[in-house]
Amino acid sequence: MSYDSLLLASFGGPEGPDEVMPFLERVTAGRGVPRERLEEVSHHYLALGGVSPINDQNRALLAALRAELDSRGIDLPLYWGNRNSAPFFADTLREMGNAGHRSVLAVATSAYSSYSGCRQYRENLAVARTEAGLDGVLEIAKVHPYFDRAGFVAPFRRSVHDALAGLREQGLAGDDVVVLFTTHSIPTAMAIGSGPDEGRSDELPGLYERQHLEVAEQVMADSDVPWRLVFQSRSGPPQVPWLEPDINDALREWAAAGARAAVVAPIGFISDHVEVVWDLDHEARETADELGMELVRVPTPGTDAQFVSALVDTVVQALAGQAPATRLCTSTCCANLRTPLPTVPGVASAE
């Protein structure tokens, strides 16, 4: 497929106190999340003025992507739409259709394979196209996960090694320090089902965990500092198993083992949105302070030049029809465990 436009597809967030609860209700609709949990999370947003940083971060990313596209002579129009807040997908697709576009390449602000990070975007875009009255008019495909791009890994590698160097200057090294790579916890069943069915056995986790471990291994390739993949931001009902350990439990475990400092690298995220800021800069830091540990939280890629270039490389590859076979989205990967919905295809998939 050739494409005449690009869409940055993101999660969204409130831009004022009155938007917080409606936003959280949209995010958790049909998932059985207790009302008290929504109220708890709402206070995280309200403590930050009721405004999520993610929309401004996406505006900055749009500007950076536009500049990089222009520098390469790629003049495709670039739009932005959100899953859970304005600009909603349906409104953006309607705008694109009215502008005469007929084939859209979508890039999600999620780098990994999972239902919520990949397939759900494909479902959301299919539903939004119907809502916009553009079925049979507007073709949409989503680019493949880009976690393994050197430009995504490099900013984390650079900042983690800088943080470790700073701790060494303070006399902290070896078993004094641990690197905790953190990502969003998801239900265990969702994690197991992430990625295509083929090539996975009961002894292997799904791609969600494996991809994060691959990134962590690349970051720590020439370091002997101990590290672990941990999780944050659990939001589901307590009776449903989610990925563990939680970062706060991991901090307690390493402190008990004698660690005096932790470098925290949020490799599951591309920007410093509310979950990164609240769960790491507030809650995890409070835990570290209680334990007498130093905590150094490194930044997400944001608009780092290497990361922006990597995203455009992914777009260029998709435009050329060269998406790697191991990254293609099939009709069965990252299954919706509740109610299967129509999807737009992944780039170059056979759907």
Protein backbone atom coordinates (compact mmCIF):
# COMPACT_ATOMS: atom_id res chain seq x y z
CA MET A 1 0.00 0.00 0.00
CA SER A 2 1.16 3.54 -0.69
CA TYR A 3 0.29 6.23 1.84
CA ASP A 4 -0.75 9.86 1.39
CA SER A 5 -0.70 10.91 5.06
CA LEU A 6 0.71 10.10 8.49
CA LEU A 7 -1.06 9.86 11.86
CA LEU A 8 0.58 10.03 15.28
CA ALA A 9 -1.73 7.82 17.36
CA SER A 10 -1.51 8.29 21.11
CA PHE A 11 -3.20 7.55 24.41
CA GLY A 12 -4.39 11.01 25.36
CA GLY A 13 -4.84 12.72 28.70
CA PRO A 14 -6.91 15.39 30.46
CA GLU A 15 -6.08 19.05 29.98
CA GLY A 16 -8.01 20.36 32.95
CA PRO A 17 -9.44 19.17 36.29
CA ASP A 18 -12.96 18.74 34.87
CA GLU A 19 -11.63 16.29 32.28
CA VAL A 20 -9.89 13.95 34.71
CA MET A 21 -12.70 11.58 35.75
CA PRO A 22 -14.33 11.39 32.28
CA PHE A 23 -10.89 10.55 30.89
CA LEU A 24 -10.28 7.80 33.45
CA GLU A 25 -13.76 6.37 32.84
CA ARG A 26 -13.03 6.14 29.11
CA VAL A 27 -9.65 4.50 29.75
CA THR A 28 -11.11 1.80 32.03
CA ALA A 29 -14.52 1.27 30.42
CA GLY A 30 -15.57 -2.40 30.62
CA ARG A 31 -12.53 -3.48 32.64
CA GLY A 32 -14.05 -3.80 36.10
CA VAL A 33 -11.71 -1.27 37.69
CA PRO A 34 -13.14 -0.30 41.12
CA ARG A 35 -14.43 3.25 41.47
CA GLU A 36 -12.11 3.82 44.40
CA ARG A 37 -9.14 3.05 42.18
CA LEU A 38 -10.30 5.67 39.66
CA GLU A 39 -10.65 8.21 42.44
CA GLU A 40 -7.17 7.34 43.71
CA VAL A 41 -5.65 7.80 40.26
CA SER A 42 -7.61 11.03 39.72
CA HIS A 43 -5.70 12.55 42.63
CA HIS A 44 -2.44 11.89 40.76
CA TYR A 45 -3.67 14.06 37.91
CA LEU A 46 -5.21 16.69 40.19
CA ALA A 47 -1.92 16.99 42.09
CA LEU A 48 -0.40 18.02 38.75
CA GLY A 49 -3.13 20.60 38.11
CA GLY A 50 -5.47 18.18 36.36
CA VAL A 51 -3.35 18.32 33.22
CA SER A 52 -1.49 15.35 31.79
CA PRO A 53 1.91 16.21 30.28
CA ILE A 54 1.32 13.77 27.43
CA ASN A 55 -0.54 16.10 25.07
CA ASP A 56 2.12 18.81 25.20
CA GLN A 57 4.74 16.10 24.80
CA ASN A 58 2.94 14.86 21.70
CA ARG A 59 2.79 18.40 20.31
CA ALA A 60 6.55 18.64 20.76
CA LEU A 61 7.02 15.23 19.14
CA LEU A 62 4.85 16.28 16.20
CA ALA A 63 7.03 19.33 15.64
CA ALA A 64 10.20 17.23 15.86
CA LEU A 65 8.82 14.61 13.48
CA ARG A 66 7.76 17.32 11.02
CA ALA A 67 11.25 18.81 11.05
CA GLU A 68 12.88 15.39 10.54
CA LEU A 69 10.46 14.46 7.75
CA ASP A 70 11.09 17.77 6.01
CA SER A 71 14.86 17.32 6.32
CA ARG A 72 14.51 14.04 4.42
CA GLY A 73 12.22 15.45 1.77
CA ILE A 74 9.15 13.53 2.98
CA ASP A 75 6.24 15.92 2.50
CA LEU A 76 3.37 13.72 3.69
CA PRO A 77 0.87 15.63 5.88
CA LEU A 78 1.18 14.72 9.57
CA TYR A 79 -1.84 14.53 11.88
CA TRP A 80 -2.41 13.61 15.53
CA GLY A 81 -5.22 11.69 17.23
CA ASN A 82 -5.85 10.18 20.68
CA ARG A 83 -7.55 7.10 22.01
CA ASN A 84 -9.01 8.67 25.14
CA SER A 85 -9.07 12.47 24.78
CA ALA A 86 -9.27 15.24 22.21
CA PRO A 87 -8.25 15.20 19.45
CA PHE A 88 -10.13 11.89 19.28
CA PHE A 89 -9.33 9.42 16.52
CA ALA A 90 -12.72 9.78 14.83
CA ASP A 91 -12.41 13.57 14.66
CA THR A 92 -8.89 13.41 13.25
CA LEU A 93 -9.81 10.75 10.68
CA ARG A 94 -12.81 12.85 9.63
CA GLU A 95 -10.48 15.83 9.18
CA MET A 96 -8.12 13.69 7.11
CA GLY A 97 -10.93 12.36 4.96
CA ASN A 98 -12.30 15.86 4.36
CA ALA A 99 -8.82 16.92 3.26
CA GLY A 100 -8.92 14.25 0.57
CA HIS A 101 -6.61 11.68 2.14
CA ARG A 102 -7.36 8.05 1.36
CA SER A 103 -4.45 6.03 2.80
CA VAL A 104 -3.11 6.63 6.29
CA LEU A 105 0.02 5.26 7.96
CA ALA A 106 -0.35 5.36 11.74
CA VAL A 107 2.55 5.48 14.22
CA ALA A 108 1.57 4.74 17.83
CA THR A 109 3.35 6.20 20.85
CA SER A 110 3.94 2.66 22.12
CA ALA A 111 7.05 0.75 21.13
CA TYR A 112 6.14 -2.82 22.14
CA SER A 113 3.86 -5.72 21.27
CA SER A 114 0.83 -6.14 23.52
CA TYR A 115 -2.92 -5.84 23.27
CA SER A 116 -3.10 -2.38 24.86
CA GLY A 117 0.08 -1.13 23.18
CA CYS A 118 -0.52 -2.39 19.65
CA ARG A 119 -3.69 -4.29 18.77
CA GLN A 120 -6.00 -1.97 20.69
CA TYR A 121 -4.78 0.94 18.56
CA ARG A 122 -5.68 -1.08 15.48
CA GLU A 123 -9.14 -1.75 16.92
CA ASN A 124 -9.62 1.87 17.98
CA LEU A 125 -8.73 3.13 14.52
CA ALA A 126 -11.12 0.68 12.86
CA VAL A 127 -13.96 1.77 15.16
CA ALA A 128 -13.10 5.44 14.67
CA ARG A 129 -13.13 5.07 10.90
CA THR A 130 -16.65 3.67 11.11
CA GLU A 131 -17.72 6.49 13.44
CA ALA A 132 -16.30 8.99 10.95
CA GLY A 133 -18.29 7.41 8.12
CA LEU A 134 -15.14 6.52 6.21
CA ASP A 135 -15.40 2.73 5.84
CA GLY A 136 -14.49 1.84 2.29
CA VAL A 137 -13.06 5.33 1.79
CA LEU A 138 -10.03 5.61 4.07
CA GLU A 139 -7.41 2.87 4.27
CA ILE A 140 -5.36 2.76 7.47
CA ALA A 141 -2.37 0.65 8.50
CA LYS A 142 -0.26 0.80 11.67
CA VAL A 143 3.53 0.54 11.68
CA HIS A 144 5.17 -2.40 13.41
CA PRO A 145 6.60 -2.18 16.97
CA TYR A 146 9.88 -0.27 17.04
CA PHE A 147 11.33 -1.23 20.45
CA ASP A 148 14.45 -2.66 18.80
CA ARG A 149 15.39 0.49 16.90
CA ALA A 150 18.86 1.64 17.90
CA GLY A 151 17.54 5.18 18.19
CA PHE A 152 14.98 4.07 20.79
CA VAL A 153 17.52 2.12 22.85
CA ALA A 154 20.38 4.63 22.58
CA PRO A 155 18.89 7.43 24.75
CA PHE A 156 18.25 4.94 27.56
CA ARG A 157 21.71 3.43 27.22
CA ARG A 158 23.32 6.85 27.31
CA SER A 159 21.36 8.11 30.31
CA VAL A 160 21.70 4.88 32.32
CA HIS A 161 25.46 4.82 31.84
CA ASP A 162 25.69 8.52 32.71
CA ALA A 163 23.70 7.84 35.89
CA LEU A 164 25.97 4.93 36.83
CA ALA A 165 29.04 7.09 36.22
CA GLY A 166 27.60 9.75 38.53
CA LEU A 167 27.03 7.18 41.27
CA ARG A 168 30.56 5.85 40.87
CA GLU A 169 31.85 9.37 41.46
CA GLN A 170 29.97 9.24 44.77
CA GLY A 171 31.70 5.98 45.68
CA LEU A 172 28.71 3.78 44.83
CA ALA A 173 29.44 0.82 42.55
CA GLY A 174 29.12 -2.94 42.25
CA ASP A 175 26.54 -4.44 44.60
CA ASP A 176 25.79 -0.97 46.00
CA VAL A 177 23.77 -0.19 42.87
CA VAL A 178 20.97 -1.84 40.91
CA VAL A 179 19.37 -0.79 37.63
CA LEU A 180 15.61 -1.27 37.54
CA PHE A 181 14.05 -1.23 34.09
CA THR A 182 10.40 -0.43 34.47
CA THR A 183 7.34 -0.70 32.25
CA HIS A 184 3.58 -0.70 32.61
CA SER A 185 2.27 -3.83 34.31
CA ILE A 186 -0.44 -5.60 32.34
CA PRO A 187 -2.59 -8.66 33.14
CA THR A 188 -0.53 -11.84 32.99
CA ALA A 189 -2.91 -13.36 30.44
CA MET A 190 -2.44 -10.32 28.19
CA ALA A 191 1.33 -10.58 28.57
CA ILE A 192 1.34 -14.27 27.63
CA GLY A 193 -0.81 -13.53 24.58
CA SER A 194 1.30 -10.67 23.28
CA GLY A 195 2.68 -11.19 19.80
CA PRO A 196 1.81 -13.85 17.23
CA ASP A 197 0.92 -17.38 18.30
CA GLU A 198 3.63 -19.15 16.34
CA GLY A 199 7.02 -19.79 17.90
CA ARG A 200 5.89 -19.53 21.52
CA SER A 201 5.72 -22.35 24.04
CA ASP A 202 4.31 -22.52 27.54
CA GLU A 203 7.85 -22.07 28.87
CA LEU A 204 8.34 -18.72 27.13
CA PRO A 205 6.66 -15.47 28.06
CA GLY A 206 4.91 -13.48 25.38
CA LEU A 207 6.68 -10.84 23.35
CA TYR A 208 5.82 -8.02 25.76
CA GLU A 209 8.25 -9.24 28.40
CA ARG A 210 10.80 -10.59 25.94
CA GLN A 211 11.01 -7.32 24.03
CA HIS A 212 11.57 -5.33 27.22
CA LEU A 213 14.25 -7.79 28.32
CA GLU A 214 15.92 -7.38 24.93
CA VAL A 215 16.05 -3.61 25.36
CA ALA A 216 17.41 -3.94 28.92
CA GLU A 217 20.08 -6.37 27.75
CA GLN A 218 21.19 -3.95 25.04
CA VAL A 219 21.40 -1.09 27.54
CA MET A 220 23.47 -3.18 29.97
CA ALA A 221 25.53 -5.07 27.38
CA ASP A 222 28.94 -3.96 28.69
CA SER A 223 28.10 -3.39 32.35
CA ASP A 224 28.40 -5.74 35.32
CA VAL A 225 25.91 -3.78 37.44
CA PRO A 226 22.96 -6.01 38.46
CA TRP A 227 19.62 -5.19 36.85
CA ARG A 228 16.03 -6.40 36.73
CA LEU A 229 12.84 -5.79 34.75
CA VAL A 230 10.09 -4.51 37.07
CA PHE A 231 6.58 -3.15 36.64
CA GLN A 232 4.45 -0.18 37.63
CA SER A 233 0.99 1.37 37.32
CA ARG A 234 -1.16 -1.68 37.97
CA SER A 235 -4.83 -0.69 37.72
CA GLY A 236 -6.91 -3.88 37.44
CA PRO A 237 -9.07 -5.68 39.99
CA PRO A 238 -6.98 -7.34 42.73
CA GLN A 239 -8.16 -10.88 41.90
CA VAL A 240 -6.67 -10.70 38.37
CA PRO A 241 -2.94 -11.60 38.16
CA TRP A 242 -0.75 -8.84 36.71
CA LEU A 243 2.96 -8.80 35.92
CA GLU A 244 5.23 -8.45 38.95
CA PRO A 245 7.29 -7.36 40.80
CA ASP A 246 6.06 -3.85 41.37
CA ILE A 247 8.91 -1.36 41.39
CA ASN A 248 8.31 -0.47 45.05
CA ASP A 249 8.55 -4.13 46.07
CA ALA A 250 11.72 -4.45 43.99
CA LEU A 251 13.26 -1.45 45.74
CA ARG A 252 12.54 -3.04 49.13
CA GLU A 253 14.02 -6.35 47.97
CA TRP A 254 17.26 -4.78 46.74
CA ALA A 255 17.57 -2.55 49.79
CA ALA A 256 17.27 -5.65 52.00
CA ALA A 257 20.05 -7.22 49.92
CA GLY A 258 22.33 -4.25 50.61
CA ALA A 259 21.81 -1.97 47.61
CA ARG A 260 22.30 1.69 48.43
CA ALA A 261 21.19 3.23 45.13
CA ALA A 262 18.89 2.43 42.23
CA VAL A 263 18.92 3.74 38.68
CA VAL A 264 15.37 3.60 37.34
CA ALA A 265 14.95 3.47 33.56
CA PRO A 266 11.33 3.65 32.28
CA ILE A 267 11.98 1.71 29.07
CA GLY A 268 8.27 0.95 28.62
CA PHE A 269 7.47 4.58 27.80
CA ILE A 270 8.50 7.08 25.14
CA SER A 271 7.68 10.24 27.13
CA ASP A 272 7.44 11.48 30.72
CA HIS A 273 3.67 11.39 31.10
CA VAL A 274 1.65 11.15 34.34
CA GLU A 275 2.36 7.49 35.09
CA VAL A 276 6.09 8.07 34.75
CA VAL A 277 6.07 11.27 36.77
CA TRP A 278 3.73 10.10 39.52
CA ASP A 279 4.64 6.43 39.90
CA LEU A 280 8.38 6.98 39.67
CA ASP A 281 9.14 10.56 40.69
CA HIS A 282 6.64 10.52 43.56
CA GLU A 283 5.77 7.02 44.78
CA ALA A 284 8.99 5.16 43.96
CA ARG A 285 11.10 8.05 45.19
CA GLU A 286 9.16 8.10 48.48
CA THR A 287 9.82 4.36 48.85
CA ALA A 288 13.52 4.86 48.16
CA ASP A 289 13.68 7.70 50.68
CA GLU A 290 12.04 5.51 53.33
CA LEU A 291 14.64 2.82 52.62
CA GLY A 292 17.56 5.24 52.69
CA MET A 293 18.34 4.51 49.03
CA GLU A 294 19.38 7.03 46.43
CA LEU A 295 17.14 6.88 43.37
CA VAL A 296 18.20 8.26 39.99
CA ARG A 297 15.37 8.25 37.44
CA VAL A 298 16.57 8.62 33.86
CA PRO A 299 14.41 10.36 31.22
CA THR A 300 12.35 8.78 28.49
CA PRO A 301 13.37 9.50 24.86
CA GLY A 302 10.80 12.27 24.33
CA THR A 303 12.11 14.32 21.42
CA ASP A 304 15.69 13.04 21.57
CA ALA A 305 17.14 13.44 18.08
CA GLN A 306 18.14 9.77 17.81
CA PHE A 307 14.65 8.64 18.81
CA VAL A 308 12.90 10.99 16.39
CA SER A 309 15.20 9.80 13.62
CA ALA A 310 14.39 6.19 14.53
CA LEU A 311 10.65 6.86 14.28
CA VAL A 312 11.12 8.39 10.85
CA ASP A 313 13.29 5.40 9.85
CA THR A 314 10.34 3.19 10.81
CA VAL A 315 8.03 5.31 8.66
CA VAL A 316 10.44 5.20 5.71
CA GLN A 317 10.69 1.43 6.01
CA ALA A 318 6.91 1.13 6.02
CA LEU A 319 6.55 3.47 3.06
CA ALA A 320 8.96 1.24 1.16
CA GLY A 321 7.07 -1.92 2.13
CA GLN A 322 10.08 -3.28 3.98
CA ALA A 323 8.69 -4.01 7.44
CA PRO A 324 10.57 -7.00 8.94
CA ALA A 325 8.58 -10.23 8.85
CA THR A 326 9.11 -10.76 12.59
CA ARG A 327 7.34 -7.48 13.33
CA LEU A 328 4.20 -7.90 11.22
CA CYS A 329 0.80 -7.82 12.91
CA THR A 330 -1.36 -10.85 12.13
CA SER A 331 -5.06 -11.36 12.69
CA THR A 332 -4.36 -13.43 15.83
CA CYS A 333 -1.51 -11.62 17.57
CA CYS A 334 -1.98 -9.71 20.83
CA ALA A 335 -5.48 -11.14 21.11
CA ASN A 336 -8.37 -9.22 22.63
CA LEU A 337 -9.28 -11.51 25.55
CA ARG A 338 -12.64 -9.86 26.17
CA THR A 339 -14.51 -9.07 22.95
CA PRO A 340 -12.71 -9.45 19.62
CA LEU A 341 -13.18 -6.37 17.45
CA PRO A 342 -12.35 -5.46 13.84
CA THR A 343 -8.86 -4.05 13.30
CA VAL A 344 -6.99 -2.07 10.73
CA PRO A 345 -3.99 -4.06 9.49
CA GLY A 346 -0.44 -3.85 10.57
CA VAL A 347 1.96 -2.67 7.88
CA ALA A 348 2.30 -5.23 5.10
CA SER A 349 0.26 -7.81 7.01
CA ALA A 350 -1.81 -10.34 5.11
CA GLU A 351 -5.13 -9.26 6.58
